[in-house]
Amino acid sequence: SVAGAAAGNWRWGLRVTPFLGAVAVILITWVMQDPERGHAE
């Protein structure tokens, strides 16, 4: 609601999370650990 109201177009409300998603993809690919299944046990 806030992004849409600020831009005068509701569609801009949908364009916030995609940029955050791009940051998430970088973090997942280069930083996140993917342990072996059952590693903790």
Full PDB file with SEQRES, HELIX, SHEET, SSBOND, CRYST1, ORIGX, SCALE, CONECT and MASTER records, all heavy atoms in Angstrom:
SEQRES   1 A   41  SER VAL ALA GLY ALA ALA ALA GLY ASN TRP ARG TRP GLY          
SEQRES   2 A   41  LEU ARG VAL THR PRO PHE LEU GLY ALA VAL ALA VAL ILE          
SEQRES   3 A   41  LEU ILE THR TRP VAL MET GLN ASP PRO GLU ARG GLY HIS          
SEQRES   4 A   41  ALA GLU                                                      
HELIX    1 AA1 VAL A    2  ALA A    7  1                                   6    
HELIX    2 AA2 TRP A   10  ARG A   15  5                                   6    
HELIX    3 AA3 THR A   17  TRP A   30  1                                  14    
CRYST1    1.000    1.000    1.000  90.00  90.00  90.00 P 1           1          
ORIGX1      1.000000  0.000000  0.000000        0.00000                         
ORIGX2      0.000000  1.000000  0.000000        0.00000                         
ORIGX3      0.000000  0.000000  1.000000        0.00000                         
SCALE1      1.000000  0.000000  0.000000        0.00000                         
SCALE2      0.000000  1.000000  0.000000        0.00000                         
SCALE3      0.000000  0.000000  1.000000        0.00000                         
ATOM      1  N   SER A   1       0.814  -1.212   0.000  1.00  0.00           N  
ATOM      2  CA  SER A   1       0.000   0.000   0.000  1.00  0.00           C  
ATOM      3  C   SER A   1       0.851   1.267   0.000  1.00  0.00           C  
ATOM      4  O   SER A   1       0.549   2.225  -0.724  1.00  0.00           O  
ATOM      5  CB  SER A   1      -0.928  -0.003   1.217  1.00  0.00           C  
ATOM      6  OG  SER A   1      -0.190  -0.106   2.420  1.00  0.00           O  
ATOM      7  N   VAL A   2       1.939   1.290   0.793  1.00  0.00           N  
ATOM      8  CA  VAL A   2       2.768   2.488   0.899  1.00  0.00           C  
ATOM      9  C   VAL A   2       3.517   2.752  -0.405  1.00  0.00           C  
ATOM     10  O   VAL A   2       3.541   3.885  -0.909  1.00  0.00           O  
ATOM     11  CB  VAL A   2       3.756   2.365   2.072  1.00  0.00           C  
ATOM     12  CG1 VAL A   2       4.760   3.506   2.052  1.00  0.00           C  
ATOM     13  CG2 VAL A   2       3.002   2.345   3.390  1.00  0.00           C  
ATOM     14  N   ALA A   3       4.154   1.708  -0.960  1.00  0.00           N  
ATOM     15  CA  ALA A   3       4.910   1.887  -2.213  1.00  0.00           C  
ATOM     16  C   ALA A   3       3.983   2.290  -3.350  1.00  0.00           C  
ATOM     17  O   ALA A   3       4.309   3.156  -4.173  1.00  0.00           O  
ATOM     18  CB  ALA A   3       5.666   0.605  -2.561  1.00  0.00           C  
ATOM     19  N   GLY A   4       2.804   1.657  -3.407  1.00  0.00           N  
ATOM     20  CA  GLY A   4       1.853   2.001  -4.451  1.00  0.00           C  
ATOM     21  C   GLY A   4       1.358   3.428  -4.333  1.00  0.00           C  
ATOM     22  O   GLY A   4       1.224   4.151  -5.330  1.00  0.00           O  
ATOM     23  N   ALA A   5       1.078   3.844  -3.075  1.00  0.00           N  
ATOM     24  CA  ALA A   5       0.599   5.211  -2.864  1.00  0.00           C  
ATOM     25  C   ALA A   5       1.682   6.232  -3.173  1.00  0.00           C  
ATOM     26  O   ALA A   5       1.415   7.291  -3.756  1.00  0.00           O  
ATOM     27  CB  ALA A   5       0.122   5.365  -1.416  1.00  0.00           C  
ATOM     28  N   ALA A   6       2.928   5.938  -2.797  1.00  0.00           N  
ATOM     29  CA  ALA A   6       4.039   6.867  -3.033  1.00  0.00           C  
ATOM     30  C   ALA A   6       4.294   7.052  -4.525  1.00  0.00           C  
ATOM     31  O   ALA A   6       4.604   8.169  -4.987  1.00  0.00           O  
ATOM     32  CB  ALA A   6       5.306   6.374  -2.339  1.00  0.00           C  
ATOM     33  N   ALA A   7       4.170   5.975  -5.298  1.00  0.00           N  
ATOM     34  CA  ALA A   7       4.427   6.044  -6.738  1.00  0.00           C  
ATOM     35  C   ALA A   7       3.187   6.423  -7.532  1.00  0.00           C  
ATOM     36  O   ALA A   7       3.279   6.693  -8.736  1.00  0.00           O  
ATOM     37  CB  ALA A   7       4.972   4.711  -7.237  1.00  0.00           C  
ATOM     38  N   GLY A   8       2.021   6.402  -6.885  1.00  0.00           N  
ATOM     39  CA  GLY A   8       0.785   6.697  -7.602  1.00  0.00           C  
ATOM     40  C   GLY A   8       0.339   5.568  -8.497  1.00  0.00           C  
ATOM     41  O   GLY A   8      -0.513   5.753  -9.359  1.00  0.00           O  
ATOM     42  N   ASN A   9       0.905   4.366  -8.283  1.00  0.00           N  
ATOM     43  CA  ASN A   9       0.577   3.200  -9.102  1.00  0.00           C  
ATOM     44  C   ASN A   9       0.777   1.952  -8.257  1.00  0.00           C  
ATOM     45  O   ASN A   9       1.872   1.703  -7.749  1.00  0.00           O  
ATOM     46  CB  ASN A   9       1.473   3.150 -10.348  1.00  0.00           C  
ATOM     47  CG  ASN A   9       1.056   2.056 -11.328  1.00  0.00           C  
ATOM     48  OD1 ASN A   9       0.370   1.100 -10.964  1.00  0.00           O  
ATOM     49  ND2 ASN A   9       1.483   2.195 -12.571  1.00  0.00           N  
ATOM     50  N   TRP A  10      -0.296   1.164  -8.087  1.00  0.00           N  
ATOM     51  CA  TRP A  10      -0.232  -0.013  -7.222  1.00  0.00           C  
ATOM     52  C   TRP A  10       0.818  -1.018  -7.693  1.00  0.00           C  
ATOM     53  O   TRP A  10       1.335  -1.808  -6.886  1.00  0.00           O  
ATOM     54  CB  TRP A  10      -1.597  -0.700  -7.177  1.00  0.00           C  
ATOM     55  CG  TRP A  10      -2.071  -1.272  -8.480  1.00  0.00           C  
ATOM     56  CD1 TRP A  10      -2.840  -0.655  -9.419  1.00  0.00           C  
ATOM     57  CD2 TRP A  10      -1.800  -2.590  -9.000  1.00  0.00           C  
ATOM     58  NE1 TRP A  10      -3.066  -1.488 -10.493  1.00  0.00           N  
ATOM     59  CE2 TRP A  10      -2.448  -2.686 -10.257  1.00  0.00           C  
ATOM     60  CE3 TRP A  10      -1.085  -3.687  -8.535  1.00  0.00           C  
ATOM     61  CZ2 TRP A  10      -2.401  -3.832 -11.038  1.00  0.00           C  
ATOM     62  CZ3 TRP A  10      -1.040  -4.838  -9.309  1.00  0.00           C  
ATOM     63  CH2 TRP A  10      -1.685  -4.906 -10.548  1.00  0.00           C  
ATOM     64  N   ARG A  11       1.171  -1.008  -8.970  1.00  0.00           N  
ATOM     65  CA  ARG A  11       2.116  -1.991  -9.507  1.00  0.00           C  
ATOM     66  C   ARG A  11       3.514  -1.842  -8.893  1.00  0.00           C  
ATOM     67  O   ARG A  11       4.275  -2.808  -8.839  1.00  0.00           O  
ATOM     68  CB  ARG A  11       2.190  -1.860 -11.031  1.00  0.00           C  
ATOM     69  CG  ARG A  11       0.880  -2.213 -11.725  1.00  0.00           C  
ATOM     70  CD  ARG A  11       0.959  -2.015 -13.227  1.00  0.00           C  
ATOM     71  NE  ARG A  11      -0.298  -2.350 -13.884  1.00  0.00           N  
ATOM     72  CZ  ARG A  11      -0.636  -3.585 -14.279  1.00  0.00           C  
ATOM     73  NH1 ARG A  11       0.206  -4.581 -14.061  1.00  0.00           N  
ATOM     74  NH2 ARG A  11      -1.793  -3.805 -14.861  1.00  0.00           N  
ATOM     75  N   TRP A  12       3.851  -0.635  -8.446  1.00  0.00           N  
ATOM     76  CA  TRP A  12       5.158  -0.455  -7.815  1.00  0.00           C  
ATOM     77  C   TRP A  12       5.249  -1.188  -6.486  1.00  0.00           C  
ATOM     78  O   TRP A  12       6.343  -1.480  -6.004  1.00  0.00           O  
ATOM     79  CB  TRP A  12       5.450   1.035  -7.636  1.00  0.00           C  
ATOM     80  CG  TRP A  12       5.920   1.679  -8.908  1.00  0.00           C  
ATOM     81  CD1 TRP A  12       5.178   2.387  -9.796  1.00  0.00           C  
ATOM     82  CD2 TRP A  12       7.247   1.624  -9.443  1.00  0.00           C  
ATOM     83  NE1 TRP A  12       5.944   2.781 -10.873  1.00  0.00           N  
ATOM     84  CE2 TRP A  12       7.228   2.338 -10.675  1.00  0.00           C  
ATOM     85  CE3 TRP A  12       8.443   1.050  -8.999  1.00  0.00           C  
ATOM     86  CZ2 TRP A  12       8.361   2.487 -11.466  1.00  0.00           C  
ATOM     87  CZ3 TRP A  12       9.578   1.213  -9.792  1.00  0.00           C  
ATOM     88  CH2 TRP A  12       9.530   1.919 -11.006  1.00  0.00           C  
ATOM     89  N   GLY A  13       4.101  -1.496  -5.896  1.00  0.00           N  
ATOM     90  CA  GLY A  13       4.118  -2.295  -4.677  1.00  0.00           C  
ATOM     91  C   GLY A  13       4.645  -3.698  -4.905  1.00  0.00           C  
ATOM     92  O   GLY A  13       5.217  -4.324  -4.000  1.00  0.00           O  
ATOM     93  N   LEU A  14       4.486  -4.207  -6.138  1.00  0.00           N  
ATOM     94  CA  LEU A  14       4.970  -5.547  -6.482  1.00  0.00           C  
ATOM     95  C   LEU A  14       6.452  -5.556  -6.869  1.00  0.00           C  
ATOM     96  O   LEU A  14       7.030  -6.629  -7.055  1.00  0.00           O  
ATOM     97  CB  LEU A  14       4.159  -6.113  -7.652  1.00  0.00           C  
ATOM     98  CG  LEU A  14       2.650  -6.279  -7.439  1.00  0.00           C  
ATOM     99  CD1 LEU A  14       2.010  -6.841  -8.693  1.00  0.00           C  
ATOM    100  CD2 LEU A  14       2.362  -7.170  -6.247  1.00  0.00           C  
ATOM    101  N   ARG A  15       7.062  -4.396  -7.000  1.00  0.00           N  
ATOM    102  CA  ARG A  15       8.426  -4.330  -7.520  1.00  0.00           C  
ATOM    103  C   ARG A  15       9.481  -4.150  -6.428  1.00  0.00           C  
ATOM    104  O   ARG A  15      10.654  -3.957  -6.739  1.00  0.00           O  
ATOM    105  CB  ARG A  15       8.526  -3.190  -8.542  1.00  0.00           C  
ATOM    106  CG  ARG A  15       7.656  -3.440  -9.768  1.00  0.00           C  
ATOM    107  CD  ARG A  15       7.489  -2.207 -10.632  1.00  0.00           C  
ATOM    108  NE  ARG A  15       6.497  -2.441 -11.684  1.00  0.00           N  
ATOM    109  CZ  ARG A  15       5.970  -1.493 -12.450  1.00  0.00           C  
ATOM    110  NH1 ARG A  15       6.340  -0.220 -12.271  1.00  0.00           N  
ATOM    111  NH2 ARG A  15       5.075  -1.791 -13.380  1.00  0.00           N  
ATOM    112  N   VAL A  16       9.051  -4.233  -5.178  1.00  0.00           N  
ATOM    113  CA  VAL A  16       9.988  -4.095  -4.066  1.00  0.00           C  
ATOM    114  C   VAL A  16      10.665  -5.431  -3.751  1.00  0.00           C  
ATOM    115  O   VAL A  16      11.899  -5.522  -3.709  1.00  0.00           O  
ATOM    116  CB  VAL A  16       9.274  -3.552  -2.810  1.00  0.00           C  
ATOM    117  CG1 VAL A  16      10.237  -3.504  -1.631  1.00  0.00           C  
ATOM    118  CG2 VAL A  16       8.688  -2.184  -3.090  1.00  0.00           C  
ATOM    119  N   THR A  17       9.871  -6.476  -3.559  1.00  0.00           N  
ATOM    120  CA  THR A  17      10.440  -7.772  -3.179  1.00  0.00           C  
ATOM    121  C   THR A  17      11.330  -8.406  -4.243  1.00  0.00           C  
ATOM    122  O   THR A  17      12.272  -9.129  -3.883  1.00  0.00           O  
ATOM    123  CB  THR A  17       9.320  -8.762  -2.785  1.00  0.00           C  
ATOM    124  OG1 THR A  17       8.355  -8.858  -3.845  1.00  0.00           O  
ATOM    125  CG2 THR A  17       8.622  -8.294  -1.515  1.00  0.00           C  
ATOM    126  N   PRO A  18      11.091  -8.209  -5.551  1.00  0.00           N  
ATOM    127  CA  PRO A  18      12.014  -8.807  -6.524  1.00  0.00           C  
ATOM    128  C   PRO A  18      13.469  -8.359  -6.353  1.00  0.00           C  
ATOM    129  O   PRO A  18      14.395  -9.158  -6.537  1.00  0.00           O  
ATOM    130  CB  PRO A  18      11.443  -8.366  -7.871  1.00  0.00           C  
ATOM    131  CG  PRO A  18       9.988  -8.225  -7.627  1.00  0.00           C  
ATOM    132  CD  PRO A  18       9.889  -7.680  -6.236  1.00  0.00           C  
ATOM    133  N   PHE A  19      13.681  -7.092  -5.994  1.00  0.00           N  
ATOM    134  CA  PHE A  19      15.049  -6.630  -5.787  1.00  0.00           C  
ATOM    135  C   PHE A  19      15.650  -7.270  -4.528  1.00  0.00           C  
ATOM    136  O   PHE A  19      16.829  -7.641  -4.507  1.00  0.00           O  
ATOM    137  CB  PHE A  19      15.067  -5.102  -5.683  1.00  0.00           C  
ATOM    138  CG  PHE A  19      14.801  -4.406  -6.980  1.00  0.00           C  
ATOM    139  CD1 PHE A  19      13.542  -3.902  -7.263  1.00  0.00           C  
ATOM    140  CD2 PHE A  19      15.793  -4.281  -7.936  1.00  0.00           C  
ATOM    141  CE1 PHE A  19      13.279  -3.268  -8.475  1.00  0.00           C  
ATOM    142  CE2 PHE A  19      15.555  -3.648  -9.146  1.00  0.00           C  
ATOM    143  CZ  PHE A  19      14.299  -3.139  -9.420  1.00  0.00           C  
ATOM    144  N   LEU A  20      14.839  -7.423  -3.503  1.00  0.00           N  
ATOM    145  CA  LEU A  20      15.302  -8.135  -2.309  1.00  0.00           C  
ATOM    146  C   LEU A  20      15.553  -9.610  -2.629  1.00  0.00           C  
ATOM    147  O   LEU A  20      16.467 -10.226  -2.076  1.00  0.00           O  
ATOM    148  CB  LEU A  20      14.264  -8.001  -1.193  1.00  0.00           C  
ATOM    149  CG  LEU A  20      13.980  -6.576  -0.703  1.00  0.00           C  
ATOM    150  CD1 LEU A  20      12.862  -6.587   0.342  1.00  0.00           C  
ATOM    151  CD2 LEU A  20      15.243  -5.953  -0.126  1.00  0.00           C  
ATOM    152  N   GLY A  21      14.751 -10.160  -3.543  1.00  0.00           N  
ATOM    153  CA  GLY A  21      14.950 -11.545  -3.954  1.00  0.00           C  
ATOM    154  C   GLY A  21      16.270 -11.742  -4.675  1.00  0.00           C  
ATOM    155  O   GLY A  21      16.931 -12.775  -4.519  1.00  0.00           O  
ATOM    156  N   ALA A  22      16.687 -10.756  -5.464  1.00  0.00           N  
ATOM    157  CA  ALA A  22      17.987 -10.840  -6.150  1.00  0.00           C  
ATOM    158  C   ALA A  22      19.129 -10.887  -5.139  1.00  0.00           C  
ATOM    159  O   ALA A  22      20.091 -11.650  -5.304  1.00  0.00           O  
ATOM    160  CB  ALA A  22      18.152  -9.647  -7.086  1.00  0.00           C  
ATOM    161  N   VAL A  23      19.017 -10.086  -4.079  1.00  0.00           N  
ATOM    162  CA  VAL A  23      20.022 -10.129  -3.012  1.00  0.00           C  
ATOM    163  C   VAL A  23      20.027 -11.503  -2.346  1.00  0.00           C  
ATOM    164  O   VAL A  23      21.092 -12.071  -2.047  1.00  0.00           O  
ATOM    165  CB  VAL A  23      19.738  -9.029  -1.969  1.00  0.00           C  
ATOM    166  CG1 VAL A  23      20.700  -9.137  -0.791  1.00  0.00           C  
ATOM    167  CG2 VAL A  23      19.839  -7.655  -2.605  1.00  0.00           C  
ATOM    168  N   ALA A  24      18.821 -12.064  -2.135  1.00  0.00           N  
ATOM    169  CA  ALA A  24      18.715 -13.378  -1.505  1.00  0.00           C  
ATOM    170  C   ALA A  24      19.378 -14.464  -2.343  1.00  0.00           C  
ATOM    171  O   ALA A  24      20.045 -15.359  -1.803  1.00  0.00           O  
ATOM    172  CB  ALA A  24      17.249 -13.718  -1.267  1.00  0.00           C  
ATOM    173  N   VAL A  25      19.207 -14.408  -3.647  1.00  0.00           N  
ATOM    174  CA  VAL A  25      19.826 -15.419  -4.531  1.00  0.00           C  
ATOM    175  C   VAL A  25      21.348 -15.385  -4.388  1.00  0.00           C  
ATOM    176  O   VAL A  25      22.013 -16.435  -4.327  1.00  0.00           O  
ATOM    177  CB  VAL A  25      19.410 -15.187  -5.991  1.00  0.00           C  
ATOM    178  CG1 VAL A  25      20.224 -16.080  -6.926  1.00  0.00           C  
ATOM    179  CG2 VAL A  25      17.917 -15.462  -6.174  1.00  0.00           C  
ATOM    180  N   ILE A  26      21.926 -14.190  -4.332  1.00  0.00           N  
ATOM    181  CA  ILE A  26      23.381 -14.065  -4.171  1.00  0.00           C  
ATOM    182  C   ILE A  26      23.830 -14.663  -2.847  1.00  0.00           C  
ATOM    183  O   ILE A  26      24.814 -15.420  -2.776  1.00  0.00           O  
ATOM    184  CB  ILE A  26      23.797 -12.578  -4.266  1.00  0.00           C  
ATOM    185  CG1 ILE A  26      23.503 -12.041  -5.671  1.00  0.00           C  
ATOM    186  CG2 ILE A  26      25.278 -12.412  -3.929  1.00  0.00           C  
ATOM    187  CD1 ILE A  26      23.717 -10.545  -5.798  1.00  0.00           C  
ATOM    188  N   LEU A  27      23.087 -14.363  -1.773  1.00  0.00           N  
ATOM    189  CA  LEU A  27      23.446 -14.891  -0.449  1.00  0.00           C  
ATOM    190  C   LEU A  27      23.310 -16.407  -0.398  1.00  0.00           C  
ATOM    191  O   LEU A  27      24.146 -17.096   0.189  1.00  0.00           O  
ATOM    192  CB  LEU A  27      22.559 -14.239   0.615  1.00  0.00           C  
ATOM    193  CG  LEU A  27      22.764 -12.738   0.849  1.00  0.00           C  
ATOM    194  CD1 LEU A  27      21.722 -12.207   1.817  1.00  0.00           C  
ATOM    195  CD2 LEU A  27      24.168 -12.469   1.377  1.00  0.00           C  
ATOM    196  N   ILE A  28      22.252 -16.925  -1.009  1.00  0.00           N  
ATOM    197  CA  ILE A  28      22.042 -18.378  -1.019  1.00  0.00           C  
ATOM    198  C   ILE A  28      23.171 -19.080  -1.773  1.00  0.00           C  
ATOM    199  O   ILE A  28      23.698 -20.108  -1.344  1.00  0.00           O  
ATOM    200  CB  ILE A  28      20.682 -18.718  -1.653  1.00  0.00           C  
ATOM    201  CG1 ILE A  28      19.539 -18.234  -0.755  1.00  0.00           C  
ATOM    202  CG2 ILE A  28      20.549 -20.216  -1.900  1.00  0.00           C  
ATOM    203  CD1 ILE A  28      18.192 -18.232  -1.445  1.00  0.00           C  
ATOM    204  N   THR A  29      23.544 -18.517  -2.910  1.00  0.00           N  
ATOM    205  CA  THR A  29      24.545 -19.158  -3.767  1.00  0.00           C  
ATOM    206  C   THR A  29      25.945 -19.122  -3.173  1.00  0.00           C  
ATOM    207  O   THR A  29      26.691 -20.105  -3.258  1.00  0.00           O  
ATOM    208  CB  THR A  29      24.556 -18.477  -5.147  1.00  0.00           C  
ATOM    209  OG1 THR A  29      23.238 -18.500  -5.703  1.00  0.00           O  
ATOM    210  CG2 THR A  29      25.519 -19.188  -6.091  1.00  0.00           C  
ATOM    211  N   TRP A  30      26.305 -18.006  -2.521  1.00  0.00           N  
ATOM    212  CA  TRP A  30      27.695 -17.820  -2.114  1.00  0.00           C  
ATOM    213  C   TRP A  30      27.937 -17.923  -0.605  1.00  0.00           C  
ATOM    214  O   TRP A  30      29.083 -18.084  -0.188  1.00  0.00           O  
ATOM    215  CB  TRP A  30      28.206 -16.471  -2.611  1.00  0.00           C  
ATOM    216  CG  TRP A  30      28.193 -16.349  -4.100  1.00  0.00           C  
ATOM    217  CD1 TRP A  30      27.280 -15.684  -4.859  1.00  0.00           C  
ATOM    218  CD2 TRP A  30      29.117 -16.948  -5.018  1.00  0.00           C  
ATOM    219  NE1 TRP A  30      27.575 -15.813  -6.191  1.00  0.00           N  
ATOM    220  CE2 TRP A  30      28.711 -16.582  -6.320  1.00  0.00           C  
ATOM    221  CE3 TRP A  30      30.255 -17.749  -4.858  1.00  0.00           C  
ATOM    222  CZ2 TRP A  30      29.391 -17.000  -7.454  1.00  0.00           C  
ATOM    223  CZ3 TRP A  30      30.935 -18.153  -5.999  1.00  0.00           C  
ATOM    224  CH2 TRP A  30      30.507 -17.780  -7.277  1.00  0.00           C  
ATOM    225  N   VAL A  31      26.903 -17.814   0.196  1.00  0.00           N  
ATOM    226  CA  VAL A  31      27.114 -17.778   1.647  1.00  0.00           C  
ATOM    227  C   VAL A  31      26.436 -18.929   2.372  1.00  0.00           C  
ATOM    228  O   VAL A  31      27.024 -19.533   3.279  1.00  0.00           O  
ATOM    229  CB  VAL A  31      26.619 -16.432   2.236  1.00  0.00           C  
ATOM    230  CG1 VAL A  31      26.856 -16.382   3.742  1.00  0.00           C  
ATOM    231  CG2 VAL A  31      27.308 -15.255   1.539  1.00  0.00           C  
ATOM    232  N   MET A  32      25.206 -19.250   2.010  1.00  0.00           N  
ATOM    233  CA  MET A  32      24.421 -20.240   2.756  1.00  0.00           C  
ATOM    234  C   MET A  32      25.081 -21.617   2.766  1.00  0.00           C  
ATOM    235  O   MET A  32      25.618 -22.065   1.758  1.00  0.00           O  
ATOM    236  CB  MET A  32      23.018 -20.361   2.157  1.00  0.00           C  
ATOM    237  CG  MET A  32      22.050 -21.169   3.004  1.00  0.00           C  
ATOM    238  SD  MET A  32      20.512 -21.558   2.134  1.00  0.00           S  
ATOM    239  CE  MET A  32      21.038 -22.960   1.120  1.00  0.00           C  
ATOM    240  N   GLN A  33      25.020 -22.260   3.915  1.00  0.00           N  
ATOM    241  CA  GLN A  33      25.556 -23.609   4.066  1.00  0.00           C  
ATOM    242  C   GLN A  33      24.479 -24.634   3.735  1.00  0.00           C  
ATOM    243  O   GLN A  33      23.326 -24.467   4.122  1.00  0.00           O  
ATOM    244  CB  GLN A  33      26.049 -23.820   5.504  1.00  0.00           C  
ATOM    245  CG  GLN A  33      26.724 -25.164   5.753  1.00  0.00           C  
ATOM    246  CD  GLN A  33      27.210 -25.288   7.186  1.00  0.00           C  
ATOM    247  OE1 GLN A  33      26.960 -24.428   8.021  1.00  0.00           O  
ATOM    248  NE2 GLN A  33      27.901 -26.372   7.478  1.00  0.00           N  
ATOM    249  N   ASP A  34      24.847 -25.683   3.030  1.00  0.00           N  
ATOM    250  CA  ASP A  34      23.924 -26.780   2.715  1.00  0.00           C  
ATOM    251  C   ASP A  34      24.517 -28.063   3.288  1.00  0.00           C  
ATOM    252  O   ASP A  34      25.289 -28.763   2.616  1.00  0.00           O  
ATOM    253  CB  ASP A  34      23.727 -26.900   1.204  1.00  0.00           C  
ATOM    254  CG  ASP A  34      22.683 -27.963   0.848  1.00  0.00           C  
ATOM    255  OD1 ASP A  34      22.022 -28.476   1.766  1.00  0.00           O  
ATOM    256  OD2 ASP A  34      22.541 -28.273  -0.353  1.00  0.00           O  
ATOM    257  N   PRO A  35      24.186 -28.402   4.535  1.00  0.00           N  
ATOM    258  CA  PRO A  35      24.817 -29.557   5.191  1.00  0.00           C  
ATOM    259  C   PRO A  35      24.326 -30.883   4.619  1.00  0.00           C  
ATOM    260  O   PRO A  35      23.301 -30.939   3.924  1.00  0.00           O  
ATOM    261  CB  PRO A  35      24.376 -29.394   6.651  1.00  0.00           C  
ATOM    262  CG  PRO A  35      23.049 -28.711   6.545  1.00  0.00           C  
ATOM    263  CD  PRO A  35      23.178 -27.756   5.385  1.00  0.00           C  
ATOM    264  N   GLU A  36      25.059 -31.918   4.925  1.00  0.00           N  
ATOM    265  CA  GLU A  36      24.606 -33.261   4.570  1.00  0.00           C  
ATOM    266  C   GLU A  36      23.325 -33.563   5.333  1.00  0.00           C  
ATOM    267  O   GLU A  36      23.127 -33.121   6.464  1.00  0.00           O  
ATOM    268  CB  GLU A  36      25.671 -34.309   4.921  1.00  0.00           C  
ATOM    269  CG  GLU A  36      26.935 -34.210   4.093  1.00  0.00           C  
ATOM    270  CD  GLU A  36      26.708 -34.587   2.635  1.00  0.00           C  
ATOM    271  OE1 GLU A  36      25.813 -35.413   2.382  1.00  0.00           O  
ATOM    272  OE2 GLU A  36      27.410 -34.045   1.767  1.00  0.00           O  
ATOM    273  N   ARG A  37      22.439 -34.336   4.721  1.00  0.00           N  
ATOM    274  CA  ARG A  37      21.184 -34.680   5.381  1.00  0.00           C  
ATOM    275  C   ARG A  37      21.460 -35.539   6.623  1.00  0.00           C  
ATOM    276  O   ARG A  37      22.134 -36.550   6.533  1.00  0.00           O  
ATOM    277  CB  ARG A  37      20.265 -35.408   4.402  1.00  0.00           C  
ATOM    278  CG  ARG A  37      19.750 -34.483   3.303  1.00  0.00           C  
ATOM    279  CD  ARG A  37      19.283 -35.219   2.072  1.00  0.00           C  
ATOM    280  NE  ARG A  37      18.893 -34.281   1.012  1.00  0.00           N  
ATOM    281  CZ  ARG A  37      19.737 -33.698   0.178  1.00  0.00           C  
ATOM    282  NH1 ARG A  37      21.029 -33.956   0.281  1.00  0.00           N  
ATOM    283  NH2 ARG A  37      19.306 -32.868  -0.744  1.00  0.00           N  
ATOM    284  N   GLY A  38      20.913 -35.077   7.757  1.00  0.00           N  
ATOM    285  CA  GLY A  38      21.162 -35.763   9.024  1.00  0.00           C  
ATOM    286  C   GLY A  38      22.472 -35.374   9.662  1.00  0.00           C  
ATOM    287  O   GLY A  38      22.927 -36.036  10.593  1.00  0.00           O  
ATOM    288  N   HIS A  39      23.103 -34.285   9.187  1.00  0.00           N  
ATOM    289  CA  HIS A  39      24.428 -33.888   9.667  1.00  0.00           C  
ATOM    290  C   HIS A  39      24.444 -33.675  11.180  1.00  0.00           C  
ATOM    291  O   HIS A  39      25.334 -34.170  11.876  1.00  0.00           O  
ATOM    292  CB  HIS A  39      24.873 -32.615   8.951  1.00  0.00           C  
ATOM    293  CG  HIS A  39      26.061 -31.946   9.566  1.00  0.00           C  
ATOM    294  ND1 HIS A  39      27.345 -32.446   9.420  1.00  0.00           N  
ATOM    295  CD2 HIS A  39      26.176 -30.827  10.345  1.00  0.00           C  
ATOM    296  CE1 HIS A  39      28.193 -31.657  10.085  1.00  0.00           C  
ATOM    297  NE2 HIS A  39      27.508 -30.678  10.640  1.00  0.00           N  
ATOM    298  N   ALA A  40      23.472 -32.941  11.705  1.00  0.00           N  
ATOM    299  CA  ALA A  40      23.466 -32.628  13.141  1.00  0.00           C  
ATOM    300  C   ALA A  40      23.311 -33.875  13.988  1.00  0.00           C  
ATOM    301  O   ALA A  40      23.828 -33.953  15.099  1.00  0.00           O  
ATOM    302  CB  ALA A  40      22.343 -31.634  13.454  1.00  0.00           C  
ATOM    303  N   GLU A  41      22.593 -34.866  13.465  1.00  0.00           N  
ATOM    304  CA  GLU A  41      22.383 -36.116  14.198  1.00  0.00           C  
ATOM    305  C   GLU A  41      23.413 -37.174  13.827  1.00  0.00           C  
ATOM    306  O   GLU A  41      23.336 -38.304  14.295  1.00  0.00           O  
ATOM    307  CB  GLU A  41      20.963 -36.632  13.904  1.00  0.00           C  
ATOM    308  CG  GLU A  41      19.885 -35.709  14.426  1.00  0.00           C  
ATOM    309  CD  GLU A  41      18.636 -35.678  13.553  1.00  0.00           C  
ATOM    310  OE1 GLU A  41      18.764 -35.542  12.325  1.00  0.00           O  
ATOM    311  OE2 GLU A  41      17.541 -35.783  14.104  1.00  0.00           O  
TER     312      GLU A  41                                                      
MASTER        0    0    0    3    0    0    0    6  311    1    0    4          
END                                                                             
